[in-house]
PDB file of N, CA and C in Angstrom:
ATOM      1  N   MET A   1     -18.774   9.457  -0.334  1.00  0.00           N
ATOM      2  CA  MET A   1     -20.266   9.974   1.029  1.00  0.00           C
ATOM      3  C   MET A   1     -21.286   8.465   0.618  1.00  0.00           C
ATOM      4  N   PRO A   2     -22.010   7.757   1.980  1.00  0.00           N
ATOM      5  CA  PRO A   2     -22.297   6.667   2.158  1.00  0.00           C
ATOM      6  C   PRO A   2     -23.799   6.788   1.922  1.00  0.00           C
ATOM      7  N   LEU A   3     -24.596   5.792   1.519  1.00  0.00           N
ATOM      8  CA  LEU A   3     -25.717   5.786   0.766  1.00  0.00           C
ATOM      9  C   LEU A   3     -26.541   5.336   2.364  1.00  0.00           C
ATOM     10  N   TYR A   4     -27.541   5.885   2.694  1.00  0.00           N
ATOM     11  CA  TYR A   4     -28.395   5.780   3.797  1.00  0.00           C
ATOM     12  C   TYR A   4     -29.659   4.995   3.399  1.00  0.00           C
ATOM     13  N   GLU A   5     -30.295   4.218   4.104  1.00  0.00           N
ATOM     14  CA  GLU A   5     -31.635   4.035   3.722  1.00  0.00           C
ATOM     15  C   GLU A   5     -32.734   4.042   4.983  1.00  0.00           C
ATOM     16  N   TYR A   6     -33.265   4.622   5.041  1.00  0.00           N
ATOM     17  CA  TYR A   6     -34.534   5.254   6.123  1.00  0.00           C
ATOM     18  C   TYR A   6     -36.176   4.778   5.548  1.00  0.00           C
ATOM     19  N   ARG A   7     -36.647   4.317   6.953  1.00  0.00           N
ATOM     20  CA  ARG A   7     -38.031   3.786   6.526  1.00  0.00           C
ATOM     21  C   ARG A   7     -38.791   4.788   7.859  1.00  0.00           C
ATOM     22  N   CYS A   8     -39.997   4.997   7.204  1.00  0.00           N
ATOM     23  CA  CYS A   8     -40.763   5.705   7.798  1.00  0.00           C
ATOM     24  C   CYS A   8     -41.570   4.965   9.358  1.00  0.00           C
ATOM     25  N   THR A   9     -41.586   5.454  10.255  1.00  0.00           N
ATOM     26  CA  THR A   9     -42.212   4.275  11.570  1.00  0.00           C
ATOM     27  C   THR A   9     -44.004   4.642  11.279  1.00  0.00           C
ATOM     28  N   GLN A  10     -43.992   5.600  10.392  1.00  0.00           N
ATOM     29  CA  GLN A  10     -45.604   5.929  10.308  1.00  0.00           C
ATOM     30  C   GLN A  10     -46.357   5.560   9.164  1.00  0.00           C
ATOM     31  N   CYS A  11     -45.866   5.438   7.954  1.00  0.00           N
ATOM     32  CA  CYS A  11     -46.159   5.497   6.925  1.00  0.00           C
ATOM     33  C   CYS A  11     -45.609   3.955   6.202  1.00  0.00           C
ATOM     34  N   GLY A  12     -44.695   3.745   6.510  1.00  0.00           N
ATOM     35  CA  GLY A  12     -43.286   2.561   6.080  1.00  0.00           C
ATOM     36  C   GLY A  12     -42.720   2.990   4.835  1.00  0.00           C
ATOM     37  N   HIS A  13     -42.835   4.267   4.286  1.00  0.00           N
ATOM     38  CA  HIS A  13     -42.247   5.001   2.917  1.00  0.00           C
ATOM     39  C   HIS A  13     -40.407   4.766   3.475  1.00  0.00           C
ATOM     40  N   ARG A  14     -40.202   4.245   2.277  1.00  0.00           N
ATOM     41  CA  ARG A  14     -38.834   4.155   2.302  1.00  0.00           C
ATOM     42  C   ARG A  14     -37.511   4.795   1.283  1.00  0.00           C
ATOM     43  N   VAL A  15     -36.864   5.599   2.152  1.00  0.00           N
ATOM     44  CA  VAL A  15     -36.041   6.595   1.337  1.00  0.00           C
ATOM     45  C   VAL A  15     -34.703   6.311   1.352  1.00  0.00           C
ATOM     46  N   GLU A  16     -33.617   6.184   0.343  1.00  0.00           N
ATOM     47  CA  GLU A  16     -32.486   6.283  -0.060  1.00  0.00           C
ATOM     48  C   GLU A  16     -32.065   7.860  -0.257  1.00  0.00           C
ATOM     49  N   LYS A  17     -30.941   7.949   0.993  1.00  0.00           N
ATOM     50  CA  LYS A  17     -30.179   9.440   0.675  1.00  0.00           C
ATOM     51  C   LYS A  17     -28.745   9.197   1.022  1.00  0.00           C
ATOM     52  N   ILE A  18     -27.853  10.086  -0.091  1.00  0.00           N
ATOM     53  CA  ILE A  18     -26.279  10.031  -0.542  1.00  0.00           C
ATOM     54  C   ILE A  18     -25.873  11.599   1.237  1.00  0.00           C
ATOM     55  N   GLU A  19     -25.595  10.899   1.766  1.00  0.00           N
ATOM     56  CA  GLU A  19     -25.331  11.938   2.808  1.00  0.00           C
ATOM     57  C   GLU A  19     -23.950  11.730   3.688  1.00  0.00           C
ATOM     58  N   LYS A  20     -23.298  12.805   4.028  1.00  0.00           N
ATOM     59  CA  LYS A  20     -22.170  13.104   4.865  1.00  0.00           C
ATOM     60  C   LYS A  20     -22.350  12.114   6.110  1.00  0.00           C
ATOM     61  N   VAL A  21     -21.228  11.211   6.442  1.00  0.00           N
ATOM     62  CA  VAL A  21     -21.287  10.748   7.769  1.00  0.00           C
ATOM     63  C   VAL A  21     -20.740  11.245   9.033  1.00  0.00           C
ATOM     64  N   SER A  22     -20.846  12.609   8.777  1.00  0.00           N
ATOM     65  CA  SER A  22     -20.844  13.406  10.077  1.00  0.00           C
ATOM     66  C   SER A  22     -21.693  14.455   9.606  1.00  0.00           C
ATOM     67  N   GLY A  23     -22.719  14.791   8.684  1.00  0.00           N
ATOM     68  CA  GLY A  23     -23.264  15.755   8.005  1.00  0.00           C
ATOM     69  C   GLY A  23     -24.801  15.552   8.775  1.00  0.00           C
ATOM     70  N   PRO A  24     -25.801  16.501   8.318  1.00  0.00           N
ATOM     71  CA  PRO A  24     -27.255  16.029   8.734  1.00  0.00           C
ATOM     72  C   PRO A  24     -28.196  14.723   8.599  1.00  0.00           C
ATOM     73  N   HIS A  25     -28.431  14.245   8.866  1.00  0.00           N
ATOM     74  CA  HIS A  25     -28.918  13.237   8.805  1.00  0.00           C
ATOM     75  C   HIS A  25     -30.293  13.104   8.655  1.00  0.00           C
ATOM     76  N   LEU A  26     -31.078  12.847   7.609  1.00  0.00           N
ATOM     77  CA  LEU A  26     -32.935  12.506   7.505  1.00  0.00           C
ATOM     78  C   LEU A  26     -33.461  12.290   8.743  1.00  0.00           C
ATOM     79  N   LYS A  27     -34.355  13.378   9.498  1.00  0.00           N
ATOM     80  CA  LYS A  27     -35.098  12.563  10.609  1.00  0.00           C
ATOM     81  C   LYS A  27     -36.776  12.545  10.311  1.00  0.00           C
ATOM     82  N   ASN A  28     -37.748  13.428   9.294  1.00  0.00           N
ATOM     83  CA  ASN A  28     -38.639  13.178   9.088  1.00  0.00           C
ATOM     84  C   ASN A  28     -38.565  13.170   7.314  1.00  0.00           C
ATOM     85  N   CYS A  29     -40.238  11.883   7.328  1.00  0.00           N
ATOM     86  CA  CYS A  29     -40.344  11.111   6.087  1.00  0.00           C
ATOM     87  C   CYS A  29     -40.982  12.494   5.299  1.00  0.00           C
ATOM     88  N   PRO A  30     -40.038  12.479   3.863  1.00  0.00           N
ATOM     89  CA  PRO A  30     -40.438  13.490   3.043  1.00  0.00           C
ATOM     90  C   PRO A  30     -42.283  13.355   2.440  1.00  0.00           C
ATOM     91  N   GLN A  31     -43.042  12.157   2.961  1.00  0.00           N
ATOM     92  CA  GLN A  31     -44.193  12.125   2.493  1.00  0.00           C
ATOM     93  C   GLN A  31     -45.165  12.793   3.400  1.00  0.00           C
ATOM     94  N   CYS A  32     -44.643  12.344   4.494  1.00  0.00           N
ATOM     95  CA  CYS A  32     -45.627  12.163   5.630  1.00  0.00           C
ATOM     96  C   CYS A  32     -45.763  13.258   7.028  1.00  0.00           C
ATOM     97  N   ASN A  33     -43.985  13.203   6.712  1.00  0.00           N
ATOM     98  CA  ASN A  33     -43.472  14.195   7.873  1.00  0.00           C
ATOM     99  C   ASN A  33     -43.558  13.423   9.305  1.00  0.00           C
ATOM    100  N   GLY A  34     -43.324  12.409   8.835  1.00  0.00           N
ATOM    101  CA  GLY A  34     -43.141  11.141   9.678  1.00  0.00           C
ATOM    102  C   GLY A  34     -41.770  11.073  10.726  1.00  0.00           C
ATOM    103  N   LYS A  35     -41.658  10.313  12.105  1.00  0.00           N
ATOM    104  CA  LYS A  35     -40.343  10.123  12.306  1.00  0.00           C
ATOM    105  C   LYS A  35     -39.711   8.805  11.273  1.00  0.00           C
ATOM    106  N   VAL A  36     -38.324   8.971  10.926  1.00  0.00           N
ATOM    107  CA  VAL A  36     -37.783   7.774  10.362  1.00  0.00           C
ATOM    108  C   VAL A  36     -36.953   6.937  10.920  1.00  0.00           C
ATOM    109  N   GLU A  37     -36.371   5.812  10.706  1.00  0.00           N
ATOM    110  CA  GLU A  37     -35.124   5.082  11.276  1.00  0.00           C
ATOM    111  C   GLU A  37     -34.536   4.913  10.368  1.00  0.00           C
ATOM    112  N   ARG A  38     -32.998   4.634  10.556  1.00  0.00           N
ATOM    113  CA  ARG A  38     -32.280   4.406   9.375  1.00  0.00           C
ATOM    114  C   ARG A  38     -32.162   2.914   9.613  1.00  0.00           C
ATOM    115  N   LEU A  39     -32.034   2.270   8.574  1.00  0.00           N
ATOM    116  CA  LEU A  39     -31.941   0.424   8.446  1.00  0.00           C
ATOM    117  C   LEU A  39     -30.569   0.029   8.304  1.00  0.00           C
ATOM    118  N   PRO A  40     -30.116  -0.803   8.319  1.00  0.00           N
ATOM    119  CA  PRO A  40     -28.767  -1.406   8.669  1.00  0.00           C
ATOM    120  C   PRO A  40     -28.962  -1.524   7.189  1.00  0.00           C
ATOM    121  N   ALA A  41     -27.549  -1.353   6.853  1.00  0.00           N
ATOM    122  CA  ALA A  41     -27.207  -1.777   5.006  1.00  0.00           C
ATOM    123  C   ALA A  41     -26.099  -2.508   5.008  1.00  0.00           C
ATOM    124  N   ALA A  42     -25.927  -2.964   3.977  1.00  0.00           N
ATOM    125  CA  ALA A  42     -24.721  -3.873   3.771  1.00  0.00           C
ATOM    126  C   ALA A  42     -23.563  -3.265   3.124  1.00  0.00           C
ATOM    127  N   PRO A  43     -22.332  -3.186   3.585  1.00  0.00           N
ATOM    128  CA  PRO A  43     -21.120  -2.292   3.393  1.00  0.00           C
ATOM    129  C   PRO A  43     -20.734  -2.524   1.754  1.00  0.00           C
ATOM    130  N   ALA A  44     -20.676  -1.471   1.455  1.00  0.00           N
ATOM    131  CA  ALA A  44     -19.978  -1.566  -0.186  1.00  0.00           C
ATOM    132  C   ALA A  44     -18.974  -1.970  -0.977  1.00  0.00           C
ATOM    133  N   ILE A  45     -18.139  -2.428   0.228  1.00  0.00           N
ATOM    134  CA  ILE A  45     -17.069  -3.073  -0.205  1.00  0.00           C
ATOM    135  C   ILE A  45     -17.060  -4.758  -0.733  1.00  0.00           C
ATOM    136  N   GLN A  46     -16.241  -5.344  -1.225  1.00  0.00           N
ATOM    137  CA  GLN A  46     -16.827  -6.961  -1.308  1.00  0.00           C
ATOM    138  C   GLN A  46     -15.441  -6.994  -1.746  1.00  0.00           C
ATOM    139  N   PHE A  47     -15.107  -8.555  -1.393  1.00  0.00           N
ATOM    140  CA  PHE A  47     -13.724  -8.886  -1.341  1.00  0.00           C
ATOM    141  C   PHE A  47     -14.479 -10.726  -1.998  1.00  0.00           C
ATOM    142  N   LYS A  48     -13.743 -10.321  -3.514  1.00  0.00           N
ATOM    143  CA  LYS A  48     -13.415 -11.638  -4.118  1.00  0.00           C
ATOM    144  C   LYS A  48     -12.469 -12.070  -4.756  1.00  0.00           C
ATOM    145  N   GLY A  49     -12.514 -13.926  -4.788  1.00  0.00           N
ATOM    146  CA  GLY A  49     -11.565 -14.256  -5.766  1.00  0.00           C
ATOM    147  C   GLY A  49     -10.765 -14.676  -4.546  1.00  0.00           C
ATOM    148  N   SER A  50      -9.640 -15.651  -5.071  1.00  0.00           N
ATOM    149  CA  SER A  50      -8.724 -15.637  -4.401  1.00  0.00           C
ATOM    150  C   SER A  50      -7.558 -14.600  -3.516  1.00  0.00           C
ATOM    151  N   GLY A  51      -6.728 -14.988  -2.626  1.00  0.00           N
ATOM    152  CA  GLY A  51      -5.469 -14.356  -2.094  1.00  0.00           C
ATOM    153  C   GLY A  51      -6.210 -13.184  -0.584  1.00  0.00           C
ATOM    154  N   TRP A  52      -7.231 -13.947  -0.012  1.00  0.00           N
ATOM    155  CA  TRP A  52      -7.499 -12.740   0.992  1.00  0.00           C
ATOM    156  C   TRP A  52      -7.172 -13.870   1.880  1.00  0.00           C
ATOM    157  N   TYR A  53      -7.426 -15.110   2.031  1.00  0.00           N
ATOM    158  CA  TYR A  53      -6.750 -15.738   3.548  1.00  0.00           C
ATOM    159  C   TYR A  53      -5.873 -16.231   3.317  1.00  0.00           C
ATOM    160  N   VAL A  54      -4.774 -16.845   4.620  1.00  0.00           N
ATOM    161  CA  VAL A  54      -3.262 -16.763   4.356  1.00  0.00           C
ATOM    162  C   VAL A  54      -3.066 -18.226   4.004  1.00  0.00           C
ATOM    163  N   THR A  55      -4.417 -19.133   3.489  1.00  0.00           N
ATOM    164  CA  THR A  55      -4.009 -20.301   3.108  1.00  0.00           C
ATOM    165  C   THR A  55      -4.193 -20.501   1.135  1.00  0.00           C
ATOM    166  N   ASP A  56      -4.643 -18.965   1.161  1.00  0.00           N
ATOM    167  CA  ASP A  56      -4.560 -18.917  -0.571  1.00  0.00           C
ATOM    168  C   ASP A  56      -3.273 -18.444  -0.938  1.00  0.00           C
ATOM    169  N   TYR A  57      -2.051 -18.486  -0.298  1.00  0.00           N
ATOM    170  CA  TYR A  57      -0.451 -17.536  -0.412  1.00  0.00           C
ATOM    171  C   TYR A  57       0.370 -18.733  -0.168  1.00  0.00           C
ATOM    172  N   ALA A  58      -0.102 -20.175  -0.484  1.00  0.00           N
ATOM    173  CA  ALA A  58       0.272 -21.260  -0.109  1.00  0.00           C
ATOM    174  C   ALA A  58       2.281 -21.676  -0.732  1.00  0.00           C
ATOM    175  N   ARG A  59       2.885 -22.139  -0.514  1.00  0.00           N
ATOM    176  CA  ARG A  59       4.034 -22.162  -1.063  1.00  0.00           C
ATOM    177  C   ARG A  59       4.287 -22.863  -2.406  1.00  0.00           C
ATOM    178  N   LYS A  60       4.862 -22.107  -3.597  1.00  0.00           N
ATOM    179  CA  LYS A  60       4.978 -22.574  -4.649  1.00  0.00           C
ATOM    180  C   LYS A  60       5.629 -24.179  -4.696  1.00  0.00           C
ATOM    181  N   THR A  61       4.858 -25.156  -5.174  1.00  0.00           N
ATOM    182  CA  THR A  61       5.466 -26.420  -4.878  1.00  0.00           C
ATOM    183  C   THR A  61       6.383 -27.166  -6.321  1.00  0.00           C
ATOM    184  N   SER A  62       7.193 -27.868  -6.744  1.00  0.00           N
ATOM    185  CA  SER A  62       7.299 -28.179  -8.147  1.00  0.00           C
ATOM    186  C   SER A  62       6.372 -28.584  -8.935  1.00  0.00           C
ATOM    187  N   GLY A  63       6.483 -28.087 -10.109  1.00  0.00           N
ATOM    188  CA  GLY A  63       5.219 -28.722 -11.472  1.00  0.00           C
ATOM    189  C   GLY A  63       3.932 -28.118 -11.009  1.00  0.00           C
ATOM    190  N   ALA A  64       3.977 -27.700  -9.919  1.00  0.00           N
ATOM    191  CA  ALA A  64       2.644 -26.967  -9.233  1.00  0.00           C
ATOM    192  C   ALA A  64       2.052 -25.725 -10.136  1.00  0.00           C
ATOM    193  N   ASP A  65       2.633 -24.941 -11.127  1.00  0.00           N
ATOM    194  CA  ASP A  65       2.451 -23.592 -11.883  1.00  0.00           C
ATOM    195  C   ASP A  65       2.798 -23.610 -12.691  1.00  0.00           C
ATOM    196  N   SER A  66       2.565 -23.924 -13.943  1.00  0.00           N
ATOM    197  CA  SER A  66       2.912 -23.852 -15.547  1.00  0.00           C
ATOM    198  C   SER A  66       2.939 -23.096 -16.265  1.00  0.00           C
ATOM    199  N   SER A  67       2.613 -22.007 -15.263  1.00  0.00           N
ATOM    200  CA  SER A  67       2.397 -20.440 -15.987  1.00  0.00           C
ATOM    201  C   SER A  67       3.663 -19.779 -16.004  1.00  0.00           C
ATOM    202  N   GLY A  68       4.417 -20.157 -14.768  1.00  0.00           N
ATOM    203  CA  GLY A  68       6.035 -19.533 -14.648  1.00  0.00           C
ATOM    204  C   GLY A  68       5.952 -18.110 -13.912  1.00  0.00           C
ATOM    205  N   GLU A  69       4.431 -17.895 -13.590  1.00  0.00           N
ATOM    206  CA  GLU A  69       4.480 -16.726 -12.673  1.00  0.00           C
ATOM    207  C   GLU A  69       4.683 -17.086 -11.103  1.00  0.00           C
ATOM    208  N   GLY A  70       5.430 -16.664 -10.450  1.00  0.00           N
ATOM    209  CA  GLY A  70       5.310 -16.959  -8.629  1.00  0.00           C
ATOM    210  C   GLY A  70       4.560 -16.446  -8.083  1.00  0.00           C
ATOM    211  N   THR A  71       4.014 -17.011  -6.978  1.00  0.00           N
ATOM    212  CA  THR A  71       2.603 -16.244  -5.997  1.00  0.00           C
ATOM    213  C   THR A  71       3.062 -16.665  -4.544  1.00  0.00           C
ATOM    214  N   GLY A  72       2.214 -15.878  -3.975  1.00  0.00           N
ATOM    215  CA  GLY A  72       2.491 -15.713  -2.414  1.00  0.00           C
ATOM    216  C   GLY A  72       3.885 -15.034  -1.887  1.00  0.00           C
ATOM    217  N   GLU A  73       4.429 -15.836  -0.751  1.00  0.00           N
ATOM    218  CA  GLU A  73       5.670 -15.320  -0.131  1.00  0.00           C
ATOM    219  C   GLU A  73       6.762 -15.760  -1.019  1.00  0.00           C
ATOM    220  N   ALA A  74       6.758 -16.982  -1.621  1.00  0.00           N
ATOM    221  CA  ALA A  74       8.012 -16.891  -2.506  1.00  0.00           C
ATOM    222  C   ALA A  74       8.683 -15.769  -3.591  1.00  0.00           C
ATOM    223  N   SER A  75       7.288 -15.605  -4.267  1.00  0.00           N
ATOM    224  CA  SER A  75       7.541 -14.214  -5.372  1.00  0.00           C
ATOM    225  C   SER A  75       7.860 -13.052  -4.464  1.00  0.00           C
ATOM    226  N   GLU A  76       7.561 -12.834  -3.194  1.00  0.00           N
ATOM    227  CA  GLU A  76       7.773 -11.230  -2.649  1.00  0.00           C
ATOM    228  C   GLU A  76       9.314 -11.202  -2.033  1.00  0.00           C
ATOM    229  N   LYS A  77       9.731 -12.620  -1.614  1.00  0.00           N
ATOM    230  CA  LYS A  77      11.233 -13.011  -1.131  1.00  0.00           C
ATOM    231  C   LYS A  77      11.430 -12.913  -2.290  1.00  0.00           C
ATOM    232  N   ALA A  78      11.379 -12.961  -3.340  1.00  0.00           N
ATOM    233  CA  ALA A  78      11.972 -13.111  -4.728  1.00  0.00           C
ATOM    234  C   ALA A  78      12.482 -11.744  -5.101  1.00  0.00           C
ATOM    235  N   GLY A  79      11.024 -10.694  -4.978  1.00  0.00           N
ATOM    236  CA  GLY A  79      11.071  -9.219  -5.101  1.00  0.00           C
ATOM    237  C   GLY A  79      11.847  -8.486  -4.244  1.00  0.00           C
ATOM    238  N   ALA A  80      11.719  -9.086  -3.448  1.00  0.00           N
ATOM    239  CA  ALA A  80      12.953  -8.285  -1.900  1.00  0.00           C
ATOM    240  C   ALA A  80      14.393  -8.468  -2.415  1.00  0.00           C
ATOM    241  N   LYS A  81      14.299  -9.401  -2.809  1.00  0.00           N
ATOM    242  CA  LYS A  81      16.023  -9.856  -3.177  1.00  0.00           C
ATOM    243  C   LYS A  81      16.360  -9.366  -4.371  1.00  0.00           C
ATOM    244  N   GLU A  82      15.375  -9.587  -5.106  1.00  0.00           N
ATOM    245  CA  GLU A  82      16.259  -8.609  -6.366  1.00  0.00           C
ATOM    246  C   GLU A  82      16.314  -6.969  -6.172  1.00  0.00           C
ATOM    247  N   ALA A  83      15.504  -6.402  -5.105  1.00  0.00           N
ATOM    248  CA  ALA A  83      15.581  -4.937  -5.114  1.00  0.00           C
ATOM    249  C   ALA A  83      16.834  -4.890  -4.208  1.00  0.00           C
ATOM    250  N   LYS A  84      17.160  -5.562  -3.457  1.00  0.00           N
ATOM    251  CA  LYS A  84      18.169  -5.344  -2.541  1.00  0.00           C
ATOM    252  C   LYS A  84      19.163  -5.545  -3.531  1.00  0.00           C
ATOM    253  N   GLU A  85      19.734  -6.207  -4.214  1.00  0.00           N
ATOM    254  CA  GLU A  85      20.692  -6.320  -4.887  1.00  0.00           C
ATOM    255  C   GLU A  85      20.847  -5.100  -5.886  1.00  0.00           C
ATOM    256  N   ALA A  86      19.887  -4.505  -6.644  1.00  0.00           N
ATOM    257  CA  ALA A  86      19.845  -3.568  -7.448  1.00  0.00           C
ATOM    258  C   ALA A  86      20.272  -2.148  -6.785  1.00  0.00           C
ATOM    259  N   LYS A  87      19.875  -2.224  -5.329  1.00  0.00           N
ATOM    260  CA  LYS A  87      19.949  -0.858  -4.457  1.00  0.00           C
ATOM    261  C   LYS A  87      21.527  -1.315  -3.917  1.00  0.00           C
ATOM    262  N   GLU A  88      22.241  -2.262  -3.804  1.00  0.00           N
ATOM    263  CA  GLU A  88      23.674  -2.692  -3.229  1.00  0.00           C
ATOM    264  C   GLU A  88      24.123  -2.305  -4.806  1.00  0.00           C
ATOM    265  N   ALA A  89      24.097  -2.911  -5.713  1.00  0.00           N
ATOM    266  CA  ALA A  89      24.799  -2.558  -7.218  1.00  0.00           C
ATOM    267  C   ALA A  89      24.604  -0.907  -7.451  1.00  0.00           C
ATOM    268  N   LYS A  90      23.620   0.074  -7.193  1.00  0.00           N
ATOM    269  CA  LYS A  90      23.934   1.518  -7.449  1.00  0.00           C
ATOM    270  C   LYS A  90      24.665   1.911  -6.916  1.00  0.00           C
ATOM    271  N   ASN A  91      24.483   1.680  -5.188  1.00  0.00           N
ATOM    272  CA  ASN A  91      25.354   2.166  -4.137  1.00  0.00           C
ATOM    273  C   ASN A  91      27.011   2.129  -4.627  1.00  0.00           C
ATOM    274  N   ALA A  92      27.023   0.896  -4.906  1.00  0.00           N
ATOM    275  CA  ALA A  92      28.534   0.493  -5.885  1.00  0.00           C
ATOM    276  C   ALA A  92      29.114   1.336  -6.704  1.00  0.00           C
ATOM    277  N   LYS A  93      28.288   1.560  -7.355  1.00  0.00           N
ATOM    278  CA  LYS A  93      28.431   2.299  -8.992  1.00  0.00           C
ATOM    279  C   LYS A  93      28.469   3.828  -8.156  1.00  0.00           C
ATOM    280  N   ASP A  94      27.698   4.245  -7.649  1.00  0.00           N
ATOM    281  CA  ASP A  94      27.853   5.492  -6.987  1.00  0.00           C
ATOM    282  C   ASP A  94      28.951   5.944  -6.076  1.00  0.00           C
ATOM    283  N   ALA A  95      29.079   4.705  -5.607  1.00  0.00           N
ATOM    284  CA  ALA A  95      30.584   5.169  -4.771  1.00  0.00           C
ATOM    285  C   ALA A  95      31.867   4.838  -5.348  1.00  0.00           C
ATOM    286  N   LYS A  96      31.916   3.979  -6.561  1.00  0.00           N
ATOM    287  CA  LYS A  96      32.980   4.439  -7.654  1.00  0.00           C
ATOM    288  C   LYS A  96      33.118   5.482  -8.732  1.00  0.00           C
ATOM    289  N   GLU A  97      32.083   5.722  -8.824  1.00  0.00           N
ATOM    290  CA  GLU A  97      31.914   7.545  -9.585  1.00  0.00           C
ATOM    291  C   GLU A  97      32.693   8.724  -8.800  1.00  0.00           C
ATOM    292  N   ALA A  98      32.044   8.551  -7.461  1.00  0.00           N
ATOM    293  CA  ALA A  98      32.437   9.439  -6.351  1.00  0.00           C
ATOM    294  C   ALA A  98      34.432   9.558  -6.132  1.00  0.00           C
ATOM    295  N   LYS A  99      34.826   8.240  -6.100  1.00  0.00           N
ATOM    296  CA  LYS A  99      36.110   7.970  -6.153  1.00  0.00           C
ATOM    297  C   LYS A  99      36.930   8.832  -7.351  1.00  0.00           C
ATOM    298  N   ASP A 100      36.204   8.144  -8.598  1.00  0.00           N
ATOM    299  CA  ASP A 100      37.250   8.517  -9.828  1.00  0.00           C
ATOM    300  C   ASP A 100      37.092   9.918  -9.962  1.00  0.00           C
ATOM    301  N   SER A 101      35.925  10.838  -9.350  1.00  0.00           N
ATOM    302  CA  SER A 101      35.881  12.338  -9.305  1.00  0.00           C
ATOM    303  C   SER A 101      36.295  13.041  -8.631  1.00  0.00           C
ATOM    304  N   ALA A 102      36.774  12.357  -7.328  1.00  0.00           N
ATOM    305  CA  ALA A 102      37.349  13.231  -6.271  1.00  0.00           C
ATOM    306  C   ALA A 102      39.148  13.822  -6.858  1.00  0.00           C
ATOM    307  N   PRO A 103      39.661  14.712  -6.177  1.00  0.00           N
ATOM    308  CA  PRO A 103      40.520  15.333  -6.514  1.00  0.00           C
ATOM    309  C   PRO A 103      41.581  14.427  -6.017  1.00  0.00           C
ATOM    310  N   ALA A 104      42.852  14.366  -6.892  1.00  0.00           N
ATOM    311  CA  ALA A 104      43.826  13.551  -6.453  1.00  0.00           C
ATOM    312  C   ALA A 104      44.671  14.444  -5.066  1.00  0.00           C
ATOM    313  N   LYS A 105      45.064  13.689  -4.142  1.00  0.00           N
ATOM    314  CA  LYS A 105      45.526  14.186  -2.935  1.00  0.00           C
ATOM    315  C   LYS A 105      46.707  15.040  -3.310  1.00  0.00           C
ATOM    316  N   ALA A 106      47.626  15.743  -2.489  1.00  0.00           N
ATOM    317  CA  ALA A 106      49.065  16.690  -2.734  1.00  0.00           C
ATOM    318  C   ALA A 106      49.950  15.492  -2.171  1.00  0.00           C
ATOM    319  N   ALA A 107      50.635  15.771  -3.162  1.00  0.00           N
ATOM    320  CA  ALA A 107      51.833  14.576  -3.021  1.00  0.00           C
ATOM    321  C   ALA A 107      52.418  15.157  -1.445  1.00  0.00           C
ATOM    322  N   LYS A 108      53.010  14.186  -0.832  1.00  0.00           N
ATOM    323  CA  LYS A 108      54.064  14.393   0.274  1.00  0.00           C
ATOM    324  C   LYS A 108      55.387  14.903  -0.266  1.00  0.00           C
ATOM    325  N   LYS A 109      56.136  15.553   0.478  1.00  0.00           N
ATOM    326  CA  LYS A 109      57.182  16.017   0.599  1.00  0.00           C
ATOM    327  C   LYS A 109      58.043  14.778   0.687  1.00  0.00           C
ATOM    328  N   PRO A 110      59.568  14.687  -0.220  1.00  0.00           N
ATOM    329  CA  PRO A 110      60.235  13.514   0.906  1.00  0.00           C
ATOM    330  C   PRO A 110      61.000  13.928   1.510  1.00  0.00           C
ATOM    331  N   HIS A 111      61.242  12.758   2.466  1.00  0.00           N
ATOM    332  CA  HIS A 111      61.882  13.137   3.976  1.00  0.00           C
ATOM    333  C   HIS A 111      62.970  13.172   3.611  1.00  0.00           C
ATOM    334  N   THR A 112      64.091  14.214   4.181  1.00  0.00           N
ATOM    335  CA  THR A 112      65.330  13.961   4.013  1.00  0.00           C
ATOM    336  C   THR A 112      65.985  13.968   5.290  1.00  0.00           C
ATOM    337  N   GLY A 113      65.237  13.713   6.540  1.00  0.00           N
ATOM    338  CA  GLY A 113      65.804  13.283   7.618  1.00  0.00           C
ATOM    339  C   GLY A 113      66.111  14.471   8.545  1.00  0.00           C
ATOM    340  N   ARG A 114      65.942  15.582   8.147  1.00  0.00           N
ATOM    341  CA  ARG A 114      66.935  16.840   8.686  1.00  0.00           C
ATOM    342  C   ARG A 114      65.142  17.829   9.274  1.00  0.00           C
ATOM    343  N   LYS A 115      65.500  18.236  10.783  1.00  0.00           N
ATOM    344  CA  LYS A 115      64.269  18.666  11.383  1.00  0.00           C
ATOM    345  C   LYS A 115      64.082  20.433  10.213  1.00  0.00           C
ATOM    346  N   GLU A 116      63.109  20.650  10.566  1.00  0.00           N
ATOM    347  CA  GLU A 116      62.582  21.827  10.232  1.00  0.00           C
ATOM    348  C   GLU A 116      62.653  22.683  11.118  1.00  0.00           C
ATOM    349  N   LYS A 117      63.013  23.961  11.166  1.00  0.00           N
ATOM    350  CA  LYS A 117      63.035  25.244  11.920  1.00  0.00           C
ATOM    351  C   LYS A 117      62.059  25.785  12.161  1.00  0.00           C
TER     352      LYS A 117
END
């Protein structure tokens, strides 16, 4: 639930109140019973640090990162490739297990060259 700040238009008293977005909002000042107005407030979410803009995800250049950890699109593509290879390996293993566990087909009758009646 968000925190709303109100100011009385008569006495100037300021009040902060936690209310539902859809719920009933404060209409009167708790001190003088005058009309209150809701003040604009800064959002509670803050973005700090790098990684927010596209330019922060620059491609890794040779020797630029000595930590060994990949960043940005290069590491995302590598991770996606590893996941795809792991999935393909699992599918191949499952197919081999299914083939090995399948019952052997019935042997065909040898062809004698005579017609059956």
